[in-house]
Amino acid sequence: MSASVLKIEDQPDRRRANRAALRLSATVREQGRSRASVRVIDISTHGCRIEATSGASADTWLWLSIAGIETQYCRVVWRASEFAGLEFATPLAEAVLERLLQDQKVLSEKAVKELRDIAARTHRLAGKKSDEEAEALAELSRKCAVEAVVEGLRLGEAEAAQAKKPQ
């Protein structure tokens, strides 16, 4: 699994597989509706978390299209504000996930900023929601904040290594 996979300590993990942070544009489509653009913000072999301005409610089935992999049939497991957790009907093969993560080894400065923005937004939203939604948003806020720090450090290390290379 990629080095960008993080597990927050002291937090029970309900997932069957670790999730990896990434930033991918994708689309979702419910039966009988048109496609909607979303952003995949983390992924595992069993599901992913998306950011979408509008979307389906929990227990809705939909199609998720990400460039480079087969379209996935998914169930919306939870939804809180503009974020949702999707479970794949058929888990991704480990090799497929690894291929997706190859281009995401070091996130860009823009992606790190997006992580920080998501962490701040979800933190604000968590204070305004019901207990269940607040818990999901608080978890996302913590995870994005940690990932932003880790990926920011990794980006700095990559830039320092590049600067040391003879030209």
N, C-alpha and C. Protein backbone atom coordinates (compact mmCIF):
# COMPACT_ATOMS: atom_id res chain seq x y z
N MET A 1 0.85 -1.18 0.00
CA MET A 1 0.00 0.00 0.00
C MET A 1 0.88 1.23 0.00
N SER A 2 0.42 2.31 -0.54
CA SER A 2 1.17 3.54 -0.69
C SER A 2 1.56 4.15 0.64
N ALA A 3 2.62 4.94 0.62
CA ALA A 3 3.07 5.62 1.84
C ALA A 3 2.07 6.67 2.29
N SER A 4 1.14 7.08 1.42
CA SER A 4 0.20 8.11 1.82
C SER A 4 -0.99 7.56 2.60
N VAL A 5 -1.01 6.26 2.87
CA VAL A 5 -2.08 5.67 3.66
C VAL A 5 -1.84 6.03 5.12
N LEU A 6 -2.83 6.61 5.74
CA LEU A 6 -2.72 7.02 7.13
C LEU A 6 -3.81 6.41 7.97
N LYS A 7 -3.51 6.06 9.19
CA LYS A 7 -4.52 5.61 10.13
C LYS A 7 -4.38 6.49 11.36
N ILE A 8 -5.44 7.13 11.75
CA ILE A 8 -5.40 8.00 12.91
C ILE A 8 -5.38 7.14 14.15
N GLU A 9 -4.39 7.35 15.00
CA GLU A 9 -4.27 6.58 16.23
C GLU A 9 -5.37 6.96 17.22
N ASP A 10 -5.63 6.09 18.14
CA ASP A 10 -6.64 6.31 19.19
C ASP A 10 -8.03 6.50 18.63
N GLN A 11 -8.28 6.01 17.45
CA GLN A 11 -9.61 6.13 16.85
C GLN A 11 -10.00 4.77 16.32
N PRO A 12 -11.13 4.22 16.77
CA PRO A 12 -11.53 2.91 16.26
C PRO A 12 -11.79 3.01 14.76
N ASP A 13 -11.31 2.02 14.03
CA ASP A 13 -11.48 2.03 12.58
C ASP A 13 -12.50 0.97 12.19
N ARG A 14 -13.61 1.42 11.59
CA ARG A 14 -14.68 0.53 11.18
C ARG A 14 -14.41 -0.05 9.79
N ARG A 15 -13.41 0.44 9.12
CA ARG A 15 -13.18 0.04 7.74
C ARG A 15 -12.45 -1.29 7.64
N ARG A 16 -12.68 -1.96 6.51
CA ARG A 16 -12.01 -3.24 6.23
C ARG A 16 -10.63 -3.03 5.64
N ALA A 17 -10.36 -1.83 5.11
CA ALA A 17 -9.07 -1.54 4.47
C ALA A 17 -8.68 -0.09 4.75
N ASN A 18 -7.37 0.15 4.85
CA ASN A 18 -6.89 1.52 5.04
C ASN A 18 -7.19 2.35 3.81
N ARG A 19 -7.42 3.63 4.04
CA ARG A 19 -7.69 4.54 2.93
C ARG A 19 -6.45 5.35 2.62
N ALA A 20 -6.30 5.72 1.37
CA ALA A 20 -5.17 6.53 0.92
C ALA A 20 -5.71 7.88 0.45
N ALA A 21 -5.02 8.93 0.85
CA ALA A 21 -5.41 10.28 0.43
C ALA A 21 -5.05 10.48 -1.03
N LEU A 22 -5.92 11.11 -1.76
CA LEU A 22 -5.65 11.47 -3.14
C LEU A 22 -6.65 12.53 -3.56
N ARG A 23 -6.45 13.12 -4.69
CA ARG A 23 -7.36 14.12 -5.22
C ARG A 23 -7.65 13.76 -6.67
N LEU A 24 -8.84 13.22 -6.93
CA LEU A 24 -9.21 12.82 -8.28
C LEU A 24 -10.58 13.39 -8.63
N SER A 25 -10.69 13.88 -9.84
CA SER A 25 -12.00 14.28 -10.34
C SER A 25 -12.72 13.03 -10.81
N ALA A 26 -14.01 12.97 -10.59
CA ALA A 26 -14.82 11.82 -10.96
C ALA A 26 -16.25 12.28 -11.20
N THR A 27 -17.10 11.35 -11.60
CA THR A 27 -18.52 11.64 -11.72
C THR A 27 -19.32 10.53 -11.05
N VAL A 28 -20.50 10.88 -10.58
CA VAL A 28 -21.44 9.90 -10.05
C VAL A 28 -22.75 10.04 -10.81
N ARG A 29 -23.48 8.93 -10.87
CA ARG A 29 -24.78 8.96 -11.54
C ARG A 29 -25.71 8.00 -10.85
N GLU A 30 -26.84 8.53 -10.40
CA GLU A 30 -27.90 7.69 -9.88
C GLU A 30 -28.76 7.24 -11.05
N GLN A 31 -29.42 6.11 -10.89
CA GLN A 31 -30.30 5.62 -11.94
C GLN A 31 -31.35 6.68 -12.25
N GLY A 32 -31.54 6.95 -13.54
CA GLY A 32 -32.55 7.90 -13.97
C GLY A 32 -32.14 9.36 -13.84
N ARG A 33 -30.90 9.62 -13.46
CA ARG A 33 -30.43 11.00 -13.31
C ARG A 33 -29.19 11.21 -14.16
N SER A 34 -28.84 12.48 -14.35
CA SER A 34 -27.63 12.78 -15.12
C SER A 34 -26.40 12.73 -14.21
N ARG A 35 -25.25 12.73 -14.84
CA ARG A 35 -23.98 12.67 -14.11
C ARG A 35 -23.76 13.96 -13.32
N ALA A 36 -23.07 13.82 -12.20
CA ALA A 36 -22.68 14.97 -11.39
C ALA A 36 -21.19 14.85 -11.09
N SER A 37 -20.50 15.97 -11.16
CA SER A 37 -19.06 15.97 -10.87
C SER A 37 -18.83 15.88 -9.37
N VAL A 38 -17.81 15.10 -8.99
CA VAL A 38 -17.42 14.96 -7.59
C VAL A 38 -15.90 14.95 -7.53
N ARG A 39 -15.37 15.02 -6.33
CA ARG A 39 -13.94 14.90 -6.11
C ARG A 39 -13.73 13.75 -5.12
N VAL A 40 -12.93 12.78 -5.51
CA VAL A 40 -12.58 11.68 -4.62
C VAL A 40 -11.45 12.19 -3.74
N ILE A 41 -11.65 12.13 -2.40
CA ILE A 41 -10.63 12.67 -1.50
C ILE A 41 -9.85 11.60 -0.76
N ASP A 42 -10.36 10.38 -0.73
CA ASP A 42 -9.57 9.23 -0.29
C ASP A 42 -10.23 7.97 -0.80
N ILE A 43 -9.45 6.87 -0.81
CA ILE A 43 -9.94 5.64 -1.43
C ILE A 43 -9.27 4.43 -0.78
N SER A 44 -9.98 3.32 -0.81
CA SER A 44 -9.43 2.03 -0.40
C SER A 44 -9.97 1.00 -1.38
N THR A 45 -9.63 -0.26 -1.16
CA THR A 45 -10.15 -1.31 -2.03
C THR A 45 -11.66 -1.48 -1.87
N HIS A 46 -12.22 -1.07 -0.73
CA HIS A 46 -13.63 -1.30 -0.45
C HIS A 46 -14.52 -0.07 -0.62
N GLY A 47 -13.94 1.11 -0.78
CA GLY A 47 -14.77 2.29 -0.92
C GLY A 47 -13.96 3.56 -1.01
N CYS A 48 -14.66 4.68 -0.96
CA CYS A 48 -13.98 5.97 -1.04
C CYS A 48 -14.84 7.03 -0.35
N ARG A 49 -14.22 8.17 -0.17
CA ARG A 49 -14.92 9.33 0.37
C ARG A 49 -14.91 10.38 -0.73
N ILE A 50 -16.06 11.01 -0.95
CA ILE A 50 -16.15 12.01 -2.01
C ILE A 50 -16.63 13.34 -1.44
N GLU A 51 -16.34 14.37 -2.21
CA GLU A 51 -16.87 15.71 -1.95
C GLU A 51 -17.75 16.04 -3.14
N ALA A 52 -19.01 16.38 -2.88
CA ALA A 52 -19.96 16.67 -3.95
C ALA A 52 -20.92 17.76 -3.48
N THR A 53 -21.18 18.74 -4.34
CA THR A 53 -22.09 19.82 -3.94
C THR A 53 -23.53 19.35 -3.79
N SER A 54 -23.91 18.35 -4.55
CA SER A 54 -25.23 17.76 -4.38
C SER A 54 -25.06 16.26 -4.47
N GLY A 55 -26.01 15.55 -3.96
CA GLY A 55 -25.82 14.11 -4.05
C GLY A 55 -26.91 13.31 -3.41
N ALA A 56 -26.70 12.03 -3.50
CA ALA A 56 -27.66 11.05 -3.03
C ALA A 56 -27.59 10.90 -1.51
N SER A 57 -28.68 10.49 -0.94
CA SER A 57 -28.74 10.25 0.51
C SER A 57 -28.21 8.85 0.82
N ALA A 58 -28.03 8.57 2.09
CA ALA A 58 -27.52 7.26 2.53
C ALA A 58 -28.40 6.14 1.99
N ASP A 59 -27.78 5.01 1.71
CA ASP A 59 -28.40 3.78 1.19
C ASP A 59 -28.85 3.88 -0.26
N THR A 60 -28.44 4.93 -0.96
CA THR A 60 -28.71 5.04 -2.38
C THR A 60 -27.59 4.35 -3.15
N TRP A 61 -27.93 3.67 -4.23
CA TRP A 61 -26.94 3.03 -5.09
C TRP A 61 -26.68 3.92 -6.28
N LEU A 62 -25.41 4.03 -6.69
CA LEU A 62 -25.04 4.88 -7.82
C LEU A 62 -23.80 4.34 -8.51
N TRP A 63 -23.48 4.94 -9.66
CA TRP A 63 -22.29 4.58 -10.43
C TRP A 63 -21.25 5.66 -10.24
N LEU A 64 -20.00 5.26 -9.91
CA LEU A 64 -18.87 6.17 -9.75
C LEU A 64 -17.90 5.93 -10.89
N SER A 65 -17.59 6.99 -11.64
CA SER A 65 -16.65 6.89 -12.77
C SER A 65 -15.39 7.68 -12.44
N ILE A 66 -14.26 6.96 -12.39
CA ILE A 66 -12.95 7.56 -12.18
C ILE A 66 -12.10 7.16 -13.38
N ALA A 67 -11.43 8.15 -13.99
CA ALA A 67 -10.58 7.85 -15.15
C ALA A 67 -9.53 6.81 -14.77
N GLY A 68 -9.36 5.83 -15.63
CA GLY A 68 -8.32 4.83 -15.42
C GLY A 68 -8.78 3.54 -14.77
N ILE A 69 -10.02 3.52 -14.25
CA ILE A 69 -10.55 2.28 -13.69
C ILE A 69 -11.97 2.06 -14.19
N GLU A 70 -12.41 0.83 -14.06
CA GLU A 70 -13.76 0.48 -14.46
C GLU A 70 -14.78 1.22 -13.57
N THR A 71 -15.89 1.63 -14.15
CA THR A 71 -16.95 2.30 -13.39
C THR A 71 -17.40 1.39 -12.25
N GLN A 72 -17.54 1.96 -11.08
CA GLN A 72 -17.87 1.19 -9.88
C GLN A 72 -19.32 1.42 -9.45
N TYR A 73 -20.02 0.34 -9.15
CA TYR A 73 -21.36 0.42 -8.58
C TYR A 73 -21.17 0.55 -7.07
N CYS A 74 -21.76 1.58 -6.47
CA CYS A 74 -21.49 1.91 -5.06
C CYS A 74 -22.77 2.20 -4.29
N ARG A 75 -22.67 1.98 -2.99
CA ARG A 75 -23.75 2.36 -2.08
C ARG A 75 -23.27 3.53 -1.24
N VAL A 76 -24.12 4.54 -1.09
CA VAL A 76 -23.80 5.67 -0.21
C VAL A 76 -24.02 5.17 1.21
N VAL A 77 -22.93 5.08 1.98
CA VAL A 77 -22.99 4.56 3.35
C VAL A 77 -23.39 5.66 4.31
N TRP A 78 -22.84 6.85 4.09
CA TRP A 78 -23.18 7.99 4.94
C TRP A 78 -23.06 9.26 4.11
N ARG A 79 -23.73 10.28 4.55
CA ARG A 79 -23.67 11.59 3.91
C ARG A 79 -23.73 12.64 5.00
N ALA A 80 -22.84 13.62 4.93
CA ALA A 80 -22.83 14.75 5.87
C ALA A 80 -22.42 15.98 5.08
N SER A 81 -23.35 16.92 4.97
CA SER A 81 -23.15 18.13 4.16
C SER A 81 -22.73 17.72 2.75
N GLU A 82 -21.61 18.27 2.26
CA GLU A 82 -21.21 17.94 0.90
C GLU A 82 -20.25 16.76 0.80
N PHE A 83 -20.14 15.97 1.85
CA PHE A 83 -19.25 14.81 1.87
C PHE A 83 -20.05 13.52 2.00
N ALA A 84 -19.53 12.45 1.39
CA ALA A 84 -20.22 11.16 1.47
C ALA A 84 -19.20 10.04 1.44
N GLY A 85 -19.55 8.96 2.09
CA GLY A 85 -18.73 7.74 2.06
C GLY A 85 -19.42 6.73 1.18
N LEU A 86 -18.68 6.17 0.22
CA LEU A 86 -19.22 5.18 -0.71
C LEU A 86 -18.57 3.84 -0.47
N GLU A 87 -19.37 2.78 -0.56
CA GLU A 87 -18.86 1.42 -0.47
C GLU A 87 -19.02 0.77 -1.83
N PHE A 88 -17.93 0.20 -2.37
CA PHE A 88 -17.98 -0.45 -3.66
C PHE A 88 -18.73 -1.78 -3.54
N ALA A 89 -19.60 -2.07 -4.49
CA ALA A 89 -20.31 -3.36 -4.50
C ALA A 89 -19.30 -4.50 -4.67
N THR A 90 -18.30 -4.27 -5.49
CA THR A 90 -17.21 -5.23 -5.70
C THR A 90 -15.90 -4.52 -5.38
N PRO A 91 -15.16 -4.99 -4.39
CA PRO A 91 -13.92 -4.31 -4.01
C PRO A 91 -12.94 -4.22 -5.19
N LEU A 92 -12.15 -3.14 -5.19
CA LEU A 92 -11.10 -2.97 -6.19
C LEU A 92 -9.99 -3.98 -5.95
N ALA A 93 -9.37 -4.44 -6.99
CA ALA A 93 -8.18 -5.27 -6.86
C ALA A 93 -7.06 -4.39 -6.32
N GLU A 94 -6.22 -4.97 -5.50
CA GLU A 94 -5.10 -4.22 -4.91
C GLU A 94 -4.24 -3.59 -6.01
N ALA A 95 -4.02 -4.29 -7.11
CA ALA A 95 -3.20 -3.78 -8.22
C ALA A 95 -3.84 -2.55 -8.86
N VAL A 96 -5.16 -2.54 -8.97
CA VAL A 96 -5.88 -1.39 -9.54
C VAL A 96 -5.72 -0.18 -8.62
N LEU A 97 -5.87 -0.40 -7.33
CA LEU A 97 -5.70 0.70 -6.37
C LEU A 97 -4.27 1.24 -6.43
N GLU A 98 -3.29 0.36 -6.46
CA GLU A 98 -1.88 0.79 -6.53
C GLU A 98 -1.61 1.62 -7.77
N ARG A 99 -2.19 1.21 -8.91
CA ARG A 99 -2.01 1.97 -10.15
C ARG A 99 -2.60 3.38 -10.02
N LEU A 100 -3.76 3.48 -9.39
CA LEU A 100 -4.37 4.79 -9.17
C LEU A 100 -3.49 5.67 -8.30
N LEU A 101 -2.86 5.07 -7.29
CA LEU A 101 -2.06 5.83 -6.34
C LEU A 101 -0.69 6.22 -6.86
N GLN A 102 -0.22 5.57 -7.92
CA GLN A 102 1.12 5.84 -8.45
C GLN A 102 1.33 7.32 -8.74
N ASP A 103 0.36 7.97 -9.37
CA ASP A 103 0.50 9.38 -9.72
C ASP A 103 0.25 10.30 -8.53
N GLN A 104 -0.11 9.75 -7.40
CA GLN A 104 -0.47 10.54 -6.24
C GLN A 104 0.57 10.44 -5.12
N LYS A 105 1.78 9.93 -5.42
CA LYS A 105 2.77 9.69 -4.37
C LYS A 105 3.07 10.95 -3.58
N VAL A 106 3.28 12.06 -4.26
CA VAL A 106 3.50 13.33 -3.58
C VAL A 106 2.43 14.29 -4.10
N LEU A 107 1.56 14.70 -3.20
CA LEU A 107 0.51 15.62 -3.60
C LEU A 107 1.10 17.00 -3.87
N SER A 108 0.48 17.75 -4.74
CA SER A 108 0.94 19.09 -5.07
C SER A 108 0.63 20.05 -3.94
N GLU A 109 1.23 21.22 -4.02
CA GLU A 109 0.96 22.26 -3.03
C GLU A 109 -0.53 22.61 -3.03
N LYS A 110 -1.13 22.64 -4.21
CA LYS A 110 -2.56 22.92 -4.33
C LYS A 110 -3.39 21.85 -3.61
N ALA A 111 -3.01 20.58 -3.76
CA ALA A 111 -3.74 19.48 -3.11
C ALA A 111 -3.61 19.56 -1.60
N VAL A 112 -2.44 19.94 -1.10
CA VAL A 112 -2.24 20.09 0.34
C VAL A 112 -3.14 21.23 0.85
N LYS A 113 -3.22 22.32 0.09
CA LYS A 113 -4.10 23.43 0.47
C LYS A 113 -5.56 22.97 0.49
N GLU A 114 -5.95 22.16 -0.49
CA GLU A 114 -7.32 21.63 -0.51
C GLU A 114 -7.60 20.78 0.72
N LEU A 115 -6.62 19.97 1.15
CA LEU A 115 -6.79 19.19 2.38
C LEU A 115 -7.03 20.10 3.58
N ARG A 116 -6.24 21.16 3.67
CA ARG A 116 -6.41 22.11 4.78
C ARG A 116 -7.79 22.76 4.73
N ASP A 117 -8.22 23.13 3.52
CA ASP A 117 -9.55 23.75 3.36
C ASP A 117 -10.66 22.80 3.76
N ILE A 118 -10.55 21.54 3.35
CA ILE A 118 -11.56 20.54 3.72
C ILE A 118 -11.58 20.35 5.23
N ALA A 119 -10.40 20.28 5.84
CA ALA A 119 -10.32 20.13 7.30
C ALA A 119 -11.01 21.30 8.00
N ALA A 120 -10.76 22.51 7.55
CA ALA A 120 -11.37 23.68 8.18
C ALA A 120 -12.89 23.70 7.97
N ARG A 121 -13.33 23.41 6.72
CA ARG A 121 -14.77 23.40 6.44
C ARG A 121 -15.50 22.35 7.23
N THR A 122 -14.95 21.15 7.28
CA THR A 122 -15.64 20.08 8.00
C THR A 122 -15.64 20.34 9.50
N HIS A 123 -14.60 20.98 10.01
CA HIS A 123 -14.58 21.33 11.43
C HIS A 123 -15.72 22.31 11.75
N ARG A 124 -15.88 23.32 10.89
CA ARG A 124 -16.97 24.29 11.08
C ARG A 124 -18.33 23.60 10.97
N LEU A 125 -18.49 22.75 9.97
CA LEU A 125 -19.77 22.07 9.75
C LEU A 125 -20.12 21.12 10.90
N ALA A 126 -19.11 20.48 11.48
CA ALA A 126 -19.35 19.51 12.55
C ALA A 126 -20.05 20.16 13.74
N GLY A 127 -19.76 21.40 14.00
CA GLY A 127 -20.39 22.11 15.12
C GLY A 127 -21.85 22.45 14.88
N LYS A 128 -22.31 22.33 13.64
CA LYS A 128 -23.68 22.72 13.29
C LYS A 128 -24.59 21.54 12.98
N LYS A 129 -24.11 20.32 13.13
CA LYS A 129 -24.87 19.15 12.70
C LYS A 129 -25.31 18.27 13.86
N SER A 130 -26.17 17.30 13.53
CA SER A 130 -26.61 16.31 14.51
C SER A 130 -25.41 15.47 14.94
N ASP A 131 -25.56 14.70 16.01
CA ASP A 131 -24.45 13.92 16.55
C ASP A 131 -23.81 13.00 15.50
N GLU A 132 -24.62 12.28 14.73
CA GLU A 132 -24.09 11.34 13.74
C GLU A 132 -23.33 12.07 12.64
N GLU A 133 -23.93 13.14 12.10
CA GLU A 133 -23.25 13.91 11.06
C GLU A 133 -22.02 14.59 11.62
N ALA A 134 -22.12 15.12 12.83
CA ALA A 134 -20.98 15.81 13.45
C ALA A 134 -19.81 14.85 13.63
N GLU A 135 -20.09 13.62 14.01
CA GLU A 135 -19.03 12.62 14.20
C GLU A 135 -18.32 12.33 12.88
N ALA A 136 -19.09 12.14 11.81
CA ALA A 136 -18.49 11.86 10.50
C ALA A 136 -17.66 13.04 10.02
N LEU A 137 -18.17 14.26 10.20
CA LEU A 137 -17.44 15.44 9.78
C LEU A 137 -16.20 15.68 10.64
N ALA A 138 -16.30 15.43 11.94
CA ALA A 138 -15.15 15.60 12.82
C ALA A 138 -14.05 14.61 12.45
N GLU A 139 -14.42 13.37 12.12
CA GLU A 139 -13.44 12.38 11.69
C GLU A 139 -12.75 12.83 10.41
N LEU A 140 -13.53 13.32 9.45
CA LEU A 140 -12.97 13.79 8.19
C LEU A 140 -12.06 14.99 8.43
N SER A 141 -12.46 15.89 9.31
CA SER A 141 -11.64 17.06 9.62
C SER A 141 -10.30 16.65 10.20
N ARG A 142 -10.31 15.74 11.17
CA ARG A 142 -9.05 15.28 11.77
C ARG A 142 -8.16 14.61 10.73
N LYS A 143 -8.75 13.74 9.93
CA LYS A 143 -7.96 13.00 8.94
C LYS A 143 -7.35 13.95 7.91
N CYS A 144 -8.13 14.90 7.41
CA CYS A 144 -7.61 15.84 6.42
C CYS A 144 -6.53 16.74 7.00
N ALA A 145 -6.69 17.15 8.25
CA ALA A 145 -5.67 17.98 8.89
C ALA A 145 -4.36 17.21 9.02
N VAL A 146 -4.42 15.97 9.46
CA VAL A 146 -3.21 15.14 9.59
C VAL A 146 -2.59 14.92 8.21
N GLU A 147 -3.41 14.58 7.22
CA GLU A 147 -2.89 14.34 5.88
C GLU A 147 -2.24 15.60 5.31
N ALA A 148 -2.82 16.77 5.57
CA ALA A 148 -2.25 18.02 5.08
C ALA A 148 -0.85 18.24 5.64
N VAL A 149 -0.68 17.96 6.93
CA VAL A 149 0.64 18.11 7.55
C VAL A 149 1.62 17.11 6.96
N VAL A 150 1.23 15.84 6.90
CA VAL A 150 2.11 14.80 6.37
C VAL A 150 2.48 15.07 4.92
N GLU A 151 1.48 15.37 4.10
CA GLU A 151 1.75 15.61 2.68
C GLU A 151 2.54 16.90 2.49
N GLY A 152 2.32 17.91 3.31
CA GLY A 152 3.11 19.14 3.24
C GLY A 152 4.57 18.86 3.53
N LEU A 153 4.84 18.04 4.54
CA LEU A 153 6.21 17.64 4.87
C LEU A 153 6.82 16.84 3.73
N ARG A 154 6.05 15.91 3.17
CA ARG A 154 6.54 15.09 2.07
C ARG A 154 6.85 15.97 0.85
N LEU A 155 6.01 16.96 0.58
CA LEU A 155 6.24 17.88 -0.53
C LEU A 155 7.52 18.67 -0.30
N GLY A 156 7.72 19.13 0.93
CA GLY A 156 8.95 19.85 1.26
C GLY A 156 10.18 18.98 1.08
N GLU A 157 10.10 17.72 1.49
CA GLU A 157 11.22 16.79 1.32
C GLU A 157 11.51 16.56 -0.16
N ALA A 158 10.48 16.42 -0.96
CA ALA A 158 10.67 16.20 -2.40
C ALA A 158 11.31 17.42 -3.05
N GLU A 159 10.89 18.61 -2.65
CA GLU A 159 11.49 19.83 -3.19
C GLU A 159 12.94 19.97 -2.75
N ALA A 160 13.24 19.62 -1.50
CA ALA A 160 14.62 19.69 -1.01
C ALA A 160 15.50 18.70 -1.75
N ALA A 161 15.01 17.48 -1.97
CA ALA A 161 15.77 16.47 -2.71
C ALA A 161 16.02 16.92 -4.13
N GLN A 162 15.04 17.54 -4.75
CA GLN A 162 15.19 18.03 -6.12
C GLN A 162 16.23 19.15 -6.18
N ALA A 163 16.25 20.01 -5.17
CA ALA A 163 17.20 21.13 -5.14
C ALA A 163 18.64 20.62 -4.97
N LYS A 164 18.82 19.47 -4.32
CA LYS A 164 20.15 18.91 -4.09
C LYS A 164 20.72 18.22 -5.31
N LYS A 165 19.89 17.84 -6.26
CA LYS A 165 20.35 17.13 -7.45
C LYS A 165 21.24 18.07 -8.28
N PRO A 166 22.39 17.53 -8.76
CA PRO A 166 23.24 18.35 -9.62
C PRO A 166 22.53 18.65 -10.95
N GLN A 167 22.74 19.84 -11.44
CA GLN A 167 22.03 20.22 -12.68
C GLN A 167 22.92 20.27 -13.85
